Amino acid sequence: MRVMKVKIWNEQGFTFLESIFQLMIFILFANISLLLIFWFREIITLEKMTEEVNWELFIYDLNQYNERTLTGKLNSSTSLQLELIDEADRYFIFDRSEFHIRKRSNLGGNEILLPYVDLWSLTVDGNELLVKVVMRDGKRRERRLVMPLADE
């Protein structure tokens, strides 16, 4: 019986050139992963800033309606009705719809003022309105506003 010997080339392991090539691939993947980590941090920071800006714009909008309001009424702990000075037959209702706080008009139309809200509550203390909001990330925000609310 004849035994066949197969000669295996390169039984010594990796060559220097193969090692350099693998090292370059490892460095490339390391750089890409670092870029992705920094990119995700930027996205998270931007999202937090967006939620903060949305909250401040919501409060700004409420203050703008406050300046033009003749009277206001708290319909429930989650619904506020404001009647405008310059438009006696028009009033706005601020309430929560699904995951957003919206402004509705008695003449029709909806506008989202604050997106992605889990909970919101309104409390009246004299002529001050305490607005409390829990955002989708669990962050709690609150602000006191002086509003012309009708005596109940």
Protein backbone atom coordinates (compact mmCIF):
# COMPACT_ATOMS: atom_id res chain seq x y z
CA MET A 1 0.00 0.00 0.00
CA ARG A 2 1.27 3.32 -0.93
CA VAL A 3 0.94 6.26 1.52
CA MET A 4 0.54 9.61 0.00
CA LYS A 5 2.26 12.48 1.69
CA VAL A 6 0.62 15.84 1.33
CA LYS A 7 2.93 18.74 1.75
CA ILE A 8 1.35 21.53 3.74
CA TRP A 9 2.68 24.90 2.97
CA ASN A 10 3.15 27.40 5.75
CA GLU A 11 2.96 25.21 8.84
CA GLN A 12 4.61 27.94 10.89
CA GLY A 13 1.47 30.09 11.46
CA PHE A 14 0.72 33.58 10.24
CA THR A 15 3.16 35.45 8.14
CA PHE A 16 4.13 38.97 9.04
CA LEU A 17 2.05 40.35 6.17
CA GLU A 18 -1.07 38.48 7.31
CA SER A 19 -0.61 39.75 10.85
CA ILE A 20 -0.30 43.37 9.65
CA PHE A 21 -3.44 42.95 7.54
CA GLN A 22 -5.46 41.61 10.50
CA LEU A 23 -4.15 44.38 12.74
CA MET A 24 -5.29 47.00 10.21
CA ILE A 25 -8.78 45.45 10.06
CA PHE A 26 -8.96 45.43 13.87
CA ILE A 27 -7.95 49.11 14.03
CA LEU A 28 -10.55 49.98 11.36
CA PHE A 29 -13.35 48.27 13.31
CA ALA A 30 -12.20 49.90 16.55
CA ASN A 31 -12.33 53.36 14.94
CA ILE A 32 -15.78 52.71 13.50
CA SER A 33 -17.11 51.50 16.85
CA LEU A 34 -15.70 54.59 18.61
CA LEU A 35 -17.40 56.83 16.06
CA LEU A 36 -20.70 55.01 16.63
CA ILE A 37 -20.41 55.43 20.40
CA PHE A 38 -19.82 59.18 20.06
CA TRP A 39 -22.64 59.43 17.54
CA PHE A 40 -25.11 57.70 19.90
CA ARG A 41 -24.09 60.06 22.73
CA GLU A 42 -24.77 63.04 20.47
CA ILE A 43 -28.20 61.65 19.54
CA ILE A 44 -29.14 61.11 23.20
CA THR A 45 -27.99 64.64 24.11
CA LEU A 46 -29.92 66.10 21.19
CA GLU A 47 -33.07 64.22 22.19
CA LYS A 48 -32.85 65.54 25.76
CA MET A 49 -32.38 69.08 24.47
CA THR A 50 -35.37 68.67 22.13
CA GLU A 51 -37.63 67.65 25.01
CA GLU A 52 -36.43 70.62 27.08
CA VAL A 53 -37.07 73.01 24.19
CA ASN A 54 -40.55 71.51 23.60
CA TRP A 55 -41.41 72.04 27.29
CA GLU A 56 -40.24 75.67 27.26
CA LEU A 57 -42.15 76.37 24.02
CA PHE A 58 -45.29 74.84 25.56
CA ILE A 59 -44.99 77.12 28.60
CA TYR A 60 -44.32 80.08 26.29
CA ASP A 61 -47.48 79.28 24.31
CA LEU A 62 -49.55 79.07 27.50
CA ASN A 63 -48.18 82.46 28.56
CA GLN A 64 -49.06 83.94 25.15
CA TYR A 65 -52.65 82.73 25.52
CA ASN A 66 -52.63 84.01 29.08
CA GLU A 67 -51.91 87.55 27.84
CA ARG A 68 -54.93 87.38 25.50
CA THR A 69 -57.29 85.62 27.91
CA LEU A 70 -60.41 87.20 29.37
CA THR A 71 -61.25 84.28 31.62
CA GLY A 72 -60.23 80.71 32.14
CA LYS A 73 -61.85 77.65 33.63
CA LEU A 74 -60.49 74.32 34.76
CA ASN A 75 -62.84 71.69 33.27
CA SER A 76 -61.06 68.83 35.03
CA SER A 77 -57.63 68.09 36.46
CA THR A 78 -56.42 67.50 32.90
CA SER A 79 -58.39 70.07 30.88
CA LEU A 80 -58.12 73.88 30.78
CA GLN A 81 -60.47 76.22 28.92
CA LEU A 82 -59.43 79.78 28.03
CA GLU A 83 -61.68 82.46 26.50
CA LEU A 84 -59.88 85.12 24.46
CA ILE A 85 -60.37 88.87 24.92
CA ASP A 86 -60.40 89.84 21.25
CA GLU A 87 -62.63 86.93 20.15
CA ALA A 88 -65.56 86.61 22.56
CA ASP A 89 -67.17 83.71 20.72
CA ARG A 90 -63.95 81.68 20.59
CA TYR A 91 -62.30 79.66 23.34
CA PHE A 92 -59.51 77.12 23.50
CA ILE A 93 -59.33 73.88 25.42
CA PHE A 94 -55.95 72.48 26.41
CA ASP A 95 -56.09 68.75 27.13
CA ARG A 96 -54.24 65.50 26.63
CA SER A 97 -54.91 63.36 23.57
CA GLU A 98 -53.14 60.00 23.50
CA PHE A 99 -49.50 60.96 24.15
CA HIS A 100 -49.68 64.69 23.38
CA ILE A 101 -51.00 67.86 24.95
CA ARG A 102 -53.12 69.60 22.38
CA LYS A 103 -54.98 72.86 21.93
CA ARG A 104 -58.53 72.59 20.57
CA SER A 105 -60.80 75.41 19.49
CA ASN A 106 -64.58 75.47 19.79
CA LEU A 107 -64.62 76.63 16.15
CA GLY A 108 -62.67 73.54 15.09
CA GLY A 109 -59.08 72.49 14.75
CA ASN A 110 -56.41 70.82 16.84
CA GLU A 111 -52.78 71.67 17.40
CA ILE A 112 -50.19 69.59 19.26
CA LEU A 113 -48.37 71.82 21.73
CA LEU A 114 -46.31 69.30 23.72
CA PRO A 115 -45.55 65.86 22.25
CA TYR A 116 -44.79 62.61 24.10
CA VAL A 117 -46.44 63.21 27.46
CA ASP A 118 -47.30 60.28 29.73
CA LEU A 119 -49.20 62.22 32.41
CA TRP A 120 -50.24 65.78 33.00
CA SER A 121 -52.26 67.42 35.73
CA LEU A 122 -53.55 70.91 36.48
CA THR A 123 -54.13 72.31 39.96
CA VAL A 124 -55.58 75.71 40.87
CA ASP A 125 -54.40 77.66 43.91
CA GLY A 126 -56.09 81.08 43.92
CA ASN A 127 -55.30 82.56 40.53
CA GLU A 128 -52.22 80.39 40.06
CA LEU A 129 -52.29 77.36 37.84
CA LEU A 130 -49.80 74.57 38.62
CA VAL A 131 -48.97 72.57 35.51
CA LYS A 132 -47.34 69.18 36.16
CA VAL A 133 -46.10 66.96 33.35
CA VAL A 134 -44.40 63.56 33.22
CA MET A 135 -42.55 63.14 29.94
CA ARG A 136 -42.05 59.83 28.12
CA ASP A 137 -38.53 59.45 29.58
CA GLY A 138 -39.97 59.71 33.11
CA LYS A 139 -38.72 63.25 33.70
CA ARG A 140 -41.11 65.37 35.74
CA ARG A 141 -41.62 69.04 34.97
CA GLU A 142 -43.81 71.62 36.60
CA ARG A 143 -44.46 75.33 36.32
CA ARG A 144 -46.72 77.84 38.07
CA LEU A 145 -48.62 80.30 35.91
CA VAL A 146 -50.78 83.23 36.98
CA MET A 147 -53.97 83.03 34.94
CA PRO A 148 -57.34 84.78 35.02
CA LEU A 149 -59.33 81.75 36.19
CA ALA A 150 -63.00 82.14 37.02
CA ASP A 151 -64.02 81.56 40.64
CA GLU A 152 -65.73 78.20 41.07
